[in-house]
C-alpha atoms as a PDB file:
ATOM      1  CA  MET A   1      -0.673 -40.161 -48.322  1.00  0.00           C
ATOM      2  CA  ALA A   2      -4.398 -40.907 -48.646  1.00  0.00           C
ATOM      3  CA  ASP A   3      -4.766 -43.674 -51.223  1.00  0.00           C
ATOM      4  CA  THR A   4      -7.974 -42.333 -52.755  1.00  0.00           C
ATOM      5  CA  ILE A   5      -9.644 -38.920 -52.672  1.00  0.00           C
ATOM      6  CA  ILE A   6     -12.992 -38.978 -54.474  1.00  0.00           C
ATOM      7  CA  LEU A   7     -14.998 -35.834 -55.072  1.00  0.00           C
ATOM      8  CA  LYS A   8     -18.577 -36.926 -54.360  1.00  0.00           C
ATOM      9  CA  GLY A   9     -20.142 -33.550 -55.027  1.00  0.00           C
ATOM     10  CA  LYS A  10     -20.159 -29.803 -54.569  1.00  0.00           C
ATOM     11  CA  VAL A  11     -22.707 -27.659 -52.738  1.00  0.00           C
ATOM     12  CA  ILE A  12     -22.953 -24.279 -54.462  1.00  0.00           C
ATOM     13  CA  ILE A  13     -24.154 -21.486 -52.142  1.00  0.00           C
ATOM     14  CA  THR A  14     -25.147 -18.247 -53.880  1.00  0.00           C
ATOM     15  CA  GLY A  15     -27.092 -15.108 -53.099  1.00  0.00           C
ATOM     16  CA  LYS A  16     -26.779 -11.375 -52.560  1.00  0.00           C
ATOM     17  CA  LEU A  17     -24.682  -9.516 -50.020  1.00  0.00           C
ATOM     18  CA  ARG A  18     -26.211  -6.183 -48.994  1.00  0.00           C
ATOM     19  CA  THR A  19     -24.334  -3.498 -47.079  1.00  0.00           C
ATOM     20  CA  LYS A  20     -26.416  -2.295 -44.120  1.00  0.00           C
ATOM     21  CA  THR A  21     -23.878   0.421 -43.289  1.00  0.00           C
ATOM     22  CA  GLY A  22     -20.955   1.813 -45.266  1.00  0.00           C
ATOM     23  CA  LEU A  23     -18.334  -0.813 -46.165  1.00  0.00           C
ATOM     24  CA  HIS A  24     -14.573  -0.313 -46.209  1.00  0.00           C
ATOM     25  CA  ILE A  25     -12.291  -3.028 -47.569  1.00  0.00           C
ATOM     26  CA  GLY A  26      -8.965  -1.312 -48.020  1.00  0.00           C
ATOM     27  CA  GLY A  27      -6.930  -1.015 -51.186  1.00  0.00           C
ATOM     28  CA  ALA A  28      -3.629   0.577 -52.177  1.00  0.00           C
ATOM     29  CA  ALA A  29      -3.592   4.352 -52.489  1.00  0.00           C
ATOM     30  CA  GLY A  30      -0.752   4.373 -55.012  1.00  0.00           C
ATOM     31  CA  GLY A  31      -2.876   3.408 -58.010  1.00  0.00           C
ATOM     32  CA  LEU A  32      -5.729   5.828 -57.362  1.00  0.00           C
ATOM     33  CA  ASP A  33      -6.057   9.480 -58.182  1.00  0.00           C
ATOM     34  CA  ILE A  34      -8.226  10.367 -55.201  1.00  0.00           C
ATOM     35  CA  GLY A  35      -6.575  13.397 -53.696  1.00  0.00           C
ATOM     36  CA  GLY A  36      -6.308  13.365 -49.953  1.00  0.00           C
ATOM     37  CA  ILE A  37      -8.189  10.161 -49.117  1.00  0.00           C
ATOM     38  CA  THR A  38      -6.323   8.543 -46.252  1.00  0.00           C
ATOM     39  CA  ASN A  39      -7.819   5.078 -46.629  1.00  0.00           C
ATOM     40  CA  PRO A  40      -9.128   4.159 -50.097  1.00  0.00           C
ATOM     41  CA  ILE A  41     -11.238   1.109 -50.819  1.00  0.00           C
ATOM     42  CA  LEU A  42     -10.241  -1.857 -52.958  1.00  0.00           C
ATOM     43  CA  ARG A  43     -11.298  -1.480 -56.591  1.00  0.00           C
ATOM     44  CA  HIS A  44     -11.126  -3.626 -59.704  1.00  0.00           C
ATOM     45  CA  PRO A  45      -7.953  -2.593 -61.582  1.00  0.00           C
ATOM     46  CA  VAL A  46      -9.781  -2.240 -64.922  1.00  0.00           C
ATOM     47  CA  SER A  47     -13.353  -1.144 -64.173  1.00  0.00           C
ATOM     48  CA  LYS A  48     -12.447   0.739 -60.960  1.00  0.00           C
ATOM     49  CA  GLU A  49     -15.606  -0.688 -59.397  1.00  0.00           C
ATOM     50  CA  PRO A  50     -15.437  -1.803 -55.744  1.00  0.00           C
ATOM     51  CA  TYR A  51     -15.645  -5.518 -55.043  1.00  0.00           C
ATOM     52  CA  ILE A  52     -15.403  -7.847 -52.069  1.00  0.00           C
ATOM     53  CA  PRO A  53     -12.443 -10.262 -52.220  1.00  0.00           C
ATOM     54  CA  GLY A  54     -13.225 -13.873 -51.443  1.00  0.00           C
ATOM     55  CA  SER A  55     -10.262 -13.822 -49.075  1.00  0.00           C
ATOM     56  CA  SER A  56     -11.919 -11.097 -46.969  1.00  0.00           C
ATOM     57  CA  LEU A  57     -15.161 -13.064 -46.623  1.00  0.00           C
ATOM     58  CA  ARG A  58     -13.450 -16.390 -46.030  1.00  0.00           C
ATOM     59  CA  GLY A  59     -10.913 -15.014 -43.574  1.00  0.00           C
ATOM     60  CA  LYS A  60     -13.523 -13.232 -41.450  1.00  0.00           C
ATOM     61  CA  MET A  61     -15.783 -16.293 -41.433  1.00  0.00           C
ATOM     62  CA  ARG A  62     -12.887 -18.455 -40.243  1.00  0.00           C
ATOM     63  CA  CYS A  63     -11.930 -15.940 -37.577  1.00  0.00           C
ATOM     64  CA  LEU A  64     -15.469 -15.785 -36.176  1.00  0.00           C
ATOM     65  CA  LEU A  65     -15.846 -19.567 -36.130  1.00  0.00           C
ATOM     66  CA  GLU A  66     -12.526 -19.927 -34.310  1.00  0.00           C
ATOM     67  CA  ARG A  67     -13.775 -17.548 -31.630  1.00  0.00           C
ATOM     68  CA  GLN A  68     -17.202 -19.146 -31.425  1.00  0.00           C
ATOM     69  CA  MET A  69     -15.648 -22.605 -30.968  1.00  0.00           C
ATOM     70  CA  GLY A  70     -12.927 -21.356 -28.633  1.00  0.00           C
ATOM     71  CA  LYS A  71     -10.079 -22.684 -30.765  1.00  0.00           C
ATOM     72  CA  PRO A  72      -6.501 -21.907 -29.632  1.00  0.00           C
ATOM     73  CA  LEU A  73      -4.451 -19.619 -31.885  1.00  0.00           C
ATOM     74  CA  THR A  74      -1.594 -21.951 -32.678  1.00  0.00           C
ATOM     75  CA  LYS A  75      -0.302 -20.683 -36.022  1.00  0.00           C
ATOM     76  CA  LEU A  76       1.560 -17.425 -36.694  1.00  0.00           C
ATOM     77  CA  ILE A  77       1.490 -16.120 -40.284  1.00  0.00           C
ATOM     78  CA  GLN A  78       3.733 -13.049 -40.241  1.00  0.00           C
ATOM     79  CA  ASP A  79       1.986 -11.022 -37.499  1.00  0.00           C
ATOM     80  CA  VAL A  80      -1.392 -12.777 -37.780  1.00  0.00           C
ATOM     81  CA  ARG A  81      -2.429 -15.540 -35.389  1.00  0.00           C
ATOM     82  CA  ILE A  82      -4.917 -18.205 -36.477  1.00  0.00           C
ATOM     83  CA  HIS A  83      -5.979 -21.650 -35.337  1.00  0.00           C
ATOM     84  CA  GLU A  84      -4.407 -24.670 -36.966  1.00  0.00           C
ATOM     85  CA  CYS A  85      -4.393 -28.130 -35.450  1.00  0.00           C
ATOM     86  CA  GLU A  86      -0.902 -29.319 -34.553  1.00  0.00           C
ATOM     87  CA  ASP A  87      -1.797 -32.967 -34.102  1.00  0.00           C
ATOM     88  CA  PRO A  88      -3.336 -35.181 -36.810  1.00  0.00           C
ATOM     89  CA  ASN A  89      -5.734 -36.756 -34.297  1.00  0.00           C
ATOM     90  CA  ASP A  90      -7.074 -33.318 -33.315  1.00  0.00           C
ATOM     91  CA  TYR A  91      -7.373 -32.462 -36.996  1.00  0.00           C
ATOM     92  CA  GLN A  92      -9.685 -35.411 -37.578  1.00  0.00           C
ATOM     93  CA  GLU A  93     -12.339 -33.831 -35.350  1.00  0.00           C
ATOM     94  CA  CYS A  94     -11.794 -30.168 -36.242  1.00  0.00           C
ATOM     95  CA  PRO A  95     -14.378 -28.541 -38.533  1.00  0.00           C
ATOM     96  CA  ILE A  96     -12.260 -25.373 -38.847  1.00  0.00           C
ATOM     97  CA  CYS A  97      -9.223 -27.099 -40.318  1.00  0.00           C
ATOM     98  CA  HIS A  98     -11.293 -29.286 -42.629  1.00  0.00           C
ATOM     99  CA  ILE A  99     -13.499 -26.478 -43.947  1.00  0.00           C
ATOM    100  CA  PHE A 100     -10.798 -23.816 -44.335  1.00  0.00           C
ATOM    101  CA  GLY A 101      -7.732 -26.003 -44.746  1.00  0.00           C
ATOM    102  CA  LEU A 102      -4.176 -26.164 -43.424  1.00  0.00           C
ATOM    103  CA  THR A 103      -0.986 -24.487 -44.570  1.00  0.00           C
ATOM    104  CA  PRO A 104       1.307 -26.912 -46.455  1.00  0.00           C
ATOM    105  CA  ASP A 105       4.139 -26.718 -43.926  1.00  0.00           C
ATOM    106  CA  ILE A 106       2.039 -28.420 -41.230  1.00  0.00           C
ATOM    107  CA  VAL A 107       2.983 -31.814 -42.676  1.00  0.00           C
ATOM    108  CA  ARG A 108       6.707 -30.974 -42.645  1.00  0.00           C
ATOM    109  CA  LYS A 109       6.732 -29.283 -39.242  1.00  0.00           C
ATOM    110  CA  ASP A 110       7.022 -32.458 -37.159  1.00  0.00           C
ATOM    111  CA  LYS A 111       8.757 -35.263 -39.044  1.00  0.00           C
ATOM    112  CA  ASP A 112       7.680 -37.792 -36.415  1.00  0.00           C
ATOM    113  CA  LYS A 113       4.035 -37.126 -37.373  1.00  0.00           C
ATOM    114  CA  THR A 114       4.479 -36.805 -41.138  1.00  0.00           C
ATOM    115  CA  GLU A 115       3.153 -40.280 -41.901  1.00  0.00           C
ATOM    116  CA  ALA A 116       0.127 -39.753 -39.669  1.00  0.00           C
ATOM    117  CA  TRP A 117      -0.601 -36.398 -41.320  1.00  0.00           C
ATOM    118  CA  LEU A 118      -0.328 -37.806 -44.829  1.00  0.00           C
ATOM    119  CA  ALA A 119      -2.767 -40.576 -43.950  1.00  0.00           C
ATOM    120  CA  LYS A 120      -5.439 -38.160 -42.697  1.00  0.00           C
ATOM    121  CA  ILE A 121      -5.095 -34.751 -44.338  1.00  0.00           C
ATOM    122  CA  LYS A 122      -7.797 -33.791 -46.844  1.00  0.00           C
ATOM    123  CA  PRO A 123      -8.203 -30.939 -49.343  1.00  0.00           C
ATOM    124  CA  THR A 124      -9.808 -27.669 -48.286  1.00  0.00           C
ATOM    125  CA  ARG A 125     -13.611 -27.889 -48.395  1.00  0.00           C
ATOM    126  CA  LEU A 126     -14.604 -24.236 -48.855  1.00  0.00           C
ATOM    127  CA  PHE A 127     -13.827 -22.000 -51.813  1.00  0.00           C
ATOM    128  CA  VAL A 128     -15.062 -18.383 -51.754  1.00  0.00           C
ATOM    129  CA  ARG A 129     -15.230 -16.312 -54.948  1.00  0.00           C
ATOM    130  CA  ASP A 130     -14.804 -12.553 -55.224  1.00  0.00           C
ATOM    131  CA  ALA A 131     -18.167 -10.731 -55.143  1.00  0.00           C
ATOM    132  CA  GLU A 132     -18.684  -7.961 -57.690  1.00  0.00           C
ATOM    133  CA  LEU A 133     -21.314  -5.234 -57.648  1.00  0.00           C
ATOM    134  CA  HIS A 134     -24.726  -6.648 -58.474  1.00  0.00           C
ATOM    135  CA  LYS A 135     -25.700  -5.725 -62.015  1.00  0.00           C
ATOM    136  CA  SER A 136     -29.435  -5.179 -61.423  1.00  0.00           C
ATOM    137  CA  ASP A 137     -30.920  -1.728 -62.027  1.00  0.00           C
ATOM    138  CA  ASP A 138     -32.351  -1.462 -58.509  1.00  0.00           C
ATOM    139  CA  ASP A 139     -29.636  -2.788 -56.245  1.00  0.00           C
ATOM    140  CA  GLY A 140     -26.099  -2.565 -57.501  1.00  0.00           C
ATOM    141  CA  LEU A 141     -24.030  -1.007 -60.227  1.00  0.00           C
ATOM    142  CA  LYS A 142     -26.610   1.313 -61.835  1.00  0.00           C
ATOM    143  CA  LYS A 143     -27.783   2.547 -58.440  1.00  0.00           C
ATOM    144  CA  LEU A 144     -24.263   3.690 -57.571  1.00  0.00           C
ATOM    145  CA  LYS A 145     -23.680   5.199 -61.007  1.00  0.00           C
ATOM    146  CA  ASP A 146     -26.839   7.307 -60.667  1.00  0.00           C
ATOM    147  CA  ALA A 147     -26.176   8.381 -57.072  1.00  0.00           C
ATOM    148  CA  LYS A 148     -24.564  11.711 -56.246  1.00  0.00           C
ATOM    149  CA  LEU A 149     -21.497  10.491 -54.387  1.00  0.00           C
ATOM    150  CA  ASP A 150     -18.178  11.999 -53.331  1.00  0.00           C
ATOM    151  CA  LEU A 151     -16.258   9.597 -55.574  1.00  0.00           C
ATOM    152  CA  PRO A 152     -17.226   7.045 -58.228  1.00  0.00           C
ATOM    153  CA  TYR A 153     -19.181   4.273 -56.451  1.00  0.00           C
ATOM    154  CA  ALA A 154     -18.087   5.519 -53.020  1.00  0.00           C
ATOM    155  CA  GLU A 155     -18.621   8.026 -50.240  1.00  0.00           C
ATOM    156  CA  ILE A 156     -16.094   9.768 -48.011  1.00  0.00           C
ATOM    157  CA  LYS A 157     -16.480   9.420 -44.257  1.00  0.00           C
ATOM    158  CA  THR A 158     -14.396  11.887 -42.288  1.00  0.00           C
ATOM    159  CA  GLU A 159     -13.326  10.889 -38.785  1.00  0.00           C
ATOM    160  CA  VAL A 160     -11.506  13.057 -36.284  1.00  0.00           C
ATOM    161  CA  ALA A 161      -9.039  12.039 -33.573  1.00  0.00           C
ATOM    162  CA  ILE A 162      -9.082  14.462 -30.626  1.00  0.00           C
ATOM    163  CA  ASP A 163      -6.010  15.065 -28.478  1.00  0.00           C
ATOM    164  CA  ARG A 164      -7.134  14.480 -24.870  1.00  0.00           C
ATOM    165  CA  ILE A 165      -4.955  17.306 -23.531  1.00  0.00           C
ATOM    166  CA  THR A 166      -4.923  20.057 -26.167  1.00  0.00           C
ATOM    167  CA  SER A 167      -8.203  19.169 -27.910  1.00  0.00           C
ATOM    168  CA  ALA A 168      -6.363  19.428 -31.233  1.00  0.00           C
ATOM    169  CA  ALA A 169      -8.270  17.633 -34.010  1.00  0.00           C
ATOM    170  CA  VAL A 170      -6.586  15.371 -36.553  1.00  0.00           C
ATOM    171  CA  PRO A 171      -9.008  14.486 -39.371  1.00  0.00           C
ATOM    172  CA  ARG A 172      -8.740  11.424 -41.579  1.00  0.00           C
ATOM    173  CA  GLN A 173     -10.866  10.461 -44.550  1.00  0.00           C
ATOM    174  CA  ASN A 174     -12.044   6.932 -45.161  1.00  0.00           C
ATOM    175  CA  GLU A 175     -13.562   5.853 -48.443  1.00  0.00           C
ATOM    176  CA  ARG A 176     -16.607   3.581 -48.135  1.00  0.00           C
ATOM    177  CA  VAL A 177     -19.120   1.824 -50.347  1.00  0.00           C
ATOM    178  CA  PRO A 178     -22.472   3.336 -49.297  1.00  0.00           C
ATOM    179  CA  ALA A 179     -25.077   1.528 -47.240  1.00  0.00           C
ATOM    180  CA  ASP A 180     -27.740  -0.445 -49.125  1.00  0.00           C
ATOM    181  CA  THR A 181     -25.368  -1.437 -51.927  1.00  0.00           C
ATOM    182  CA  VAL A 182     -25.713  -5.002 -53.196  1.00  0.00           C
ATOM    183  CA  PHE A 183     -22.868  -7.282 -54.257  1.00  0.00           C
ATOM    184  CA  GLY A 184     -23.503 -10.546 -55.985  1.00  0.00           C
ATOM    185  CA  PRO A 185     -24.179 -13.100 -56.722  1.00  0.00           C
ATOM    186  CA  PHE A 186     -21.665 -14.178 -54.098  1.00  0.00           C
ATOM    187  CA  GLU A 187     -20.585 -17.789 -54.544  1.00  0.00           C
ATOM    188  CA  PHE A 188     -19.310 -20.272 -51.975  1.00  0.00           C
ATOM    189  CA  ILE A 189     -18.258 -23.753 -53.155  1.00  0.00           C
ATOM    190  CA  TYR A 190     -18.335 -26.484 -50.504  1.00  0.00           C
ATOM    191  CA  ASN A 191     -16.648 -29.735 -51.571  1.00  0.00           C
ATOM    192  CA  LEU A 192     -17.714 -33.178 -50.370  1.00  0.00           C
ATOM    193  CA  TYR A 193     -14.852 -35.694 -50.339  1.00  0.00           C
ATOM    194  CA  ASP A 194     -14.641 -39.420 -49.709  1.00  0.00           C
ATOM    195  CA  VAL A 195     -11.120 -40.243 -48.551  1.00  0.00           C
ATOM    196  CA  ASN A 196     -10.092 -43.905 -48.408  1.00  0.00           C
ATOM    197  CA  GLY A 197     -13.704 -45.051 -48.414  1.00  0.00           C
ATOM    198  CA  THR A 198     -14.688 -43.178 -45.243  1.00  0.00           C
ATOM    199  CA  GLY A 199     -17.693 -41.534 -46.923  1.00  0.00           C
ATOM    200  CA  VAL A 200     -18.912 -37.951 -46.806  1.00  0.00           C
ATOM    201  CA  ALA A 201     -21.020 -37.981 -43.627  1.00  0.00           C
ATOM    202  CA  ALA A 202     -18.604 -35.729 -41.726  1.00  0.00           C
ATOM    203  CA  ASP A 203     -18.334 -33.260 -44.610  1.00  0.00           C
ATOM    204  CA  VAL A 204     -22.121 -33.074 -44.897  1.00  0.00           C
ATOM    205  CA  ALA A 205     -22.477 -32.537 -41.132  1.00  0.00           C
ATOM    206  CA  TRP A 206     -19.833 -29.787 -41.118  1.00  0.00           C
ATOM    207  CA  LEU A 207     -21.643 -27.810 -43.839  1.00  0.00           C
ATOM    208  CA  LYS A 208     -23.803 -26.243 -41.123  1.00  0.00           C
ATOM    209  CA  HIS A 209     -20.715 -24.433 -39.804  1.00  0.00           C
ATOM    210  CA  VAL A 210     -20.477 -22.484 -43.070  1.00  0.00           C
ATOM    211  CA  PHE A 211     -23.972 -21.116 -42.496  1.00  0.00           C
ATOM    212  CA  LYS A 212     -23.202 -20.443 -38.833  1.00  0.00           C
ATOM    213  CA  ALA A 213     -20.158 -18.450 -39.928  1.00  0.00           C
ATOM    214  CA  MET A 214     -22.385 -16.422 -42.243  1.00  0.00           C
ATOM    215  CA  GLU A 215     -24.755 -15.735 -39.334  1.00  0.00           C
ATOM    216  CA  LEU A 216     -21.852 -14.681 -37.125  1.00  0.00           C
ATOM    217  CA  LEU A 217     -20.634 -12.329 -39.853  1.00  0.00           C
ATOM    218  CA  GLU A 218     -24.052 -10.678 -40.064  1.00  0.00           C
ATOM    219  CA  ASP A 219     -23.780  -9.952 -36.332  1.00  0.00           C
ATOM    220  CA  ASP A 220     -20.195  -8.700 -36.625  1.00  0.00           C
ATOM    221  CA  TYR A 221     -18.611  -6.642 -39.408  1.00  0.00           C
ATOM    222  CA  LEU A 222     -16.752  -7.081 -42.665  1.00  0.00           C
ATOM    223  CA  GLY A 223     -13.682  -5.033 -43.575  1.00  0.00           C
ATOM    224  CA  GLY A 224     -12.280  -2.216 -41.462  1.00  0.00           C
ATOM    225  CA  TYR A 225     -13.543   0.231 -38.839  1.00  0.00           C
ATOM    226  CA  GLY A 226     -16.315  -2.069 -37.633  1.00  0.00           C
ATOM    227  CA  SER A 227     -16.201  -0.776 -34.077  1.00  0.00           C
ATOM    228  CA  ARG A 228     -16.988   2.693 -35.468  1.00  0.00           C
ATOM    229  CA  GLY A 229     -20.102   1.776 -37.431  1.00  0.00           C
ATOM    230  CA  THR A 230     -18.718   0.404 -40.674  1.00  0.00           C
ATOM    231  CA  GLY A 231     -19.085  -3.064 -42.200  1.00  0.00           C
ATOM    232  CA  LYS A 232     -22.520  -4.395 -41.230  1.00  0.00           C
ATOM    233  CA  ILE A 233     -23.776  -6.698 -43.998  1.00  0.00           C
ATOM    234  CA  ALA A 234     -26.645  -9.102 -44.660  1.00  0.00           C
ATOM    235  CA  PHE A 235     -26.917 -12.189 -46.853  1.00  0.00           C
ATOM    236  CA  GLU A 236     -30.109 -12.314 -48.919  1.00  0.00           C
ATOM    237  CA  ASP A 237     -31.847 -14.743 -51.305  1.00  0.00           C
ATOM    238  CA  VAL A 238     -29.520 -17.590 -50.366  1.00  0.00           C
ATOM    239  CA  THR A 239     -29.824 -20.537 -52.763  1.00  0.00           C
ATOM    240  CA  LEU A 240     -28.202 -23.963 -52.562  1.00  0.00           C
ATOM    241  CA  THR A 241     -27.435 -26.354 -55.398  1.00  0.00           C
ATOM    242  CA  LEU A 242     -25.896 -29.835 -55.215  1.00  0.00           C
ATOM    243  CA  ARG A 243     -23.752 -30.941 -58.137  1.00  0.00           C
ATOM    244  CA  SER A 244     -22.938 -34.580 -57.609  1.00  0.00           C
ATOM    245  CA  GLN A 245     -20.321 -36.831 -59.109  1.00  0.00           C
ATOM    246  CA  ALA A 246     -23.014 -38.016 -61.548  1.00  0.00           C
ATOM    247  CA  TYR A 247     -23.722 -34.416 -62.555  1.00  0.00           C
ATOM    248  CA  TYR A 248     -20.109 -33.909 -63.626  1.00  0.00           C
ATOM    249  CA  ALA A 249     -20.261 -37.213 -65.519  1.00  0.00           C
ATOM    250  CA  GLY A 250     -23.251 -35.880 -67.462  1.00  0.00           C
ATOM    251  CA  GLU A 251     -25.601 -38.468 -66.001  1.00  0.00           C
ATOM    252  CA  GLU A 252     -27.998 -36.261 -63.996  1.00  0.00           C
ATOM    253  CA  GLU A 253     -29.088 -32.690 -63.406  1.00  0.00           C
ATOM    254  CA  ALA A 254     -27.992 -30.561 -60.467  1.00  0.00           C
ATOM    255  CA  SER A 255     -30.254 -30.777 -57.408  1.00  0.00           C
ATOM    256  CA  ASP A 256     -31.892 -27.660 -55.988  1.00  0.00           C
ATOM    257  CA  LEU A 257     -31.403 -27.749 -52.204  1.00  0.00           C
ATOM    258  CA  THR A 258     -32.895 -24.305 -51.563  1.00  0.00           C
ATOM    259  CA  GLN A 259     -35.425 -24.381 -48.740  1.00  0.00           C
ATOM    260  CA  LYS A 260     -38.375 -22.123 -49.521  1.00  0.00           C
ATOM    261  CA  HIS A 261     -41.346 -20.464 -47.895  1.00  0.00           C
ATOM    262  CA  ASN A 262     -44.094 -19.058 -50.109  1.00  0.00           C
ATOM    263  CA  GLU A 263     -41.906 -19.804 -53.138  1.00  0.00           C
ATOM    264  CA  GLN A 264     -39.084 -17.622 -51.780  1.00  0.00           C
ATOM    265  CA  PRO A 265     -35.753 -18.794 -50.307  1.00  0.00           C
ATOM    266  CA  VAL A 266     -35.975 -18.973 -46.527  1.00  0.00           C
ATOM    267  CA  PRO A 267     -33.795 -16.467 -44.645  1.00  0.00           C
ATOM    268  CA  LEU A 268     -30.302 -17.580 -43.723  1.00  0.00           C
ATOM    269  CA  ARG A 269     -31.336 -18.210 -40.114  1.00  0.00           C
ATOM    270  CA  GLY A 270     -34.323 -20.235 -41.238  1.00  0.00           C
ATOM    271  CA  ILE A 271     -32.357 -23.040 -42.896  1.00  0.00           C
ATOM    272  CA  ASN A 272     -33.128 -26.435 -41.370  1.00  0.00           C
ATOM    273  CA  TYR A 273     -29.748 -28.168 -41.163  1.00  0.00           C
ATOM    274  CA  ASP A 274     -31.141 -31.614 -40.313  1.00  0.00           C
ATOM    275  CA  ASP A 275     -33.349 -31.576 -43.397  1.00  0.00           C
ATOM    276  CA  LEU A 276     -30.450 -30.314 -45.514  1.00  0.00           C
ATOM    277  CA  GLN A 277     -28.140 -33.075 -44.334  1.00  0.00           C
ATOM    278  CA  THR A 278     -30.780 -35.717 -45.043  1.00  0.00           C
ATOM    279  CA  THR A 279     -31.448 -34.353 -48.542  1.00  0.00           C
ATOM    280  CA  ILE A 280     -27.746 -34.358 -49.444  1.00  0.00           C
ATOM    281  CA  ALA A 281     -27.194 -37.858 -48.030  1.00  0.00           C
ATOM    282  CA  VAL A 282     -30.126 -39.250 -50.036  1.00  0.00           C
ATOM    283  CA  ALA A 283     -28.968 -37.503 -53.228  1.00  0.00           C
ATOM    284  CA  LEU A 284     -25.450 -38.911 -52.917  1.00  0.00           C
ATOM    285  CA  ALA A 285     -26.501 -42.438 -51.887  1.00  0.00           C
END
């Protein structure tokens, strides 16, 4: 296995996530007293407020990057196909597998390659937290509490399937968080590792793929029913903070990496990745 794995720092990415259309991330109907709703949303078990699971964000970002990079779908998890490098040499050059990680059984799958895997495999770089409703008066929780909605914090969208022969209509009701609802602050943690003295240059360079995945998600959809108008989101007020090894040792303050224009964070698509890489490299030198 790798002799040394040194955490050189963490890039903390935060901001707001705003729904541009209704949002449906499905939950279990069994624990909700919601009458005839066919497809309820996921809610916090105590507060009953909707939230966005980190797994939903992270999984969709990985999926979109795999498609954008044209990665083969080599791993089957139950009925779900994803990309996962099958050769340790391919893994070395794969941003997807480094950023989002590998399943543990990859090392045991081919015993002839176990030693090679153990010499090269690194921990997952990206952690994604659950995003709760924003607590501001204007954007999040209070706005939904004050709104006249079909259900607490949610609307009902009725869809109808039409039989092509008889024209019989079969309605179904989907619960959605309304458009223009804000979740946040969302929090992504991107880890920078030095394994066996190889440095963090590759990790720093691959950080841009996290932002590209966020851009792809803005142009796609989150949750279910995206092809029927649901799930468009936007990331807003994105801030970046570097917490270095020295920060965790109590020797220095965290570094603000947020790029600004007129004292405001630049839009997601305005981030200059070359400047960001240079700033991180200098801070960690």
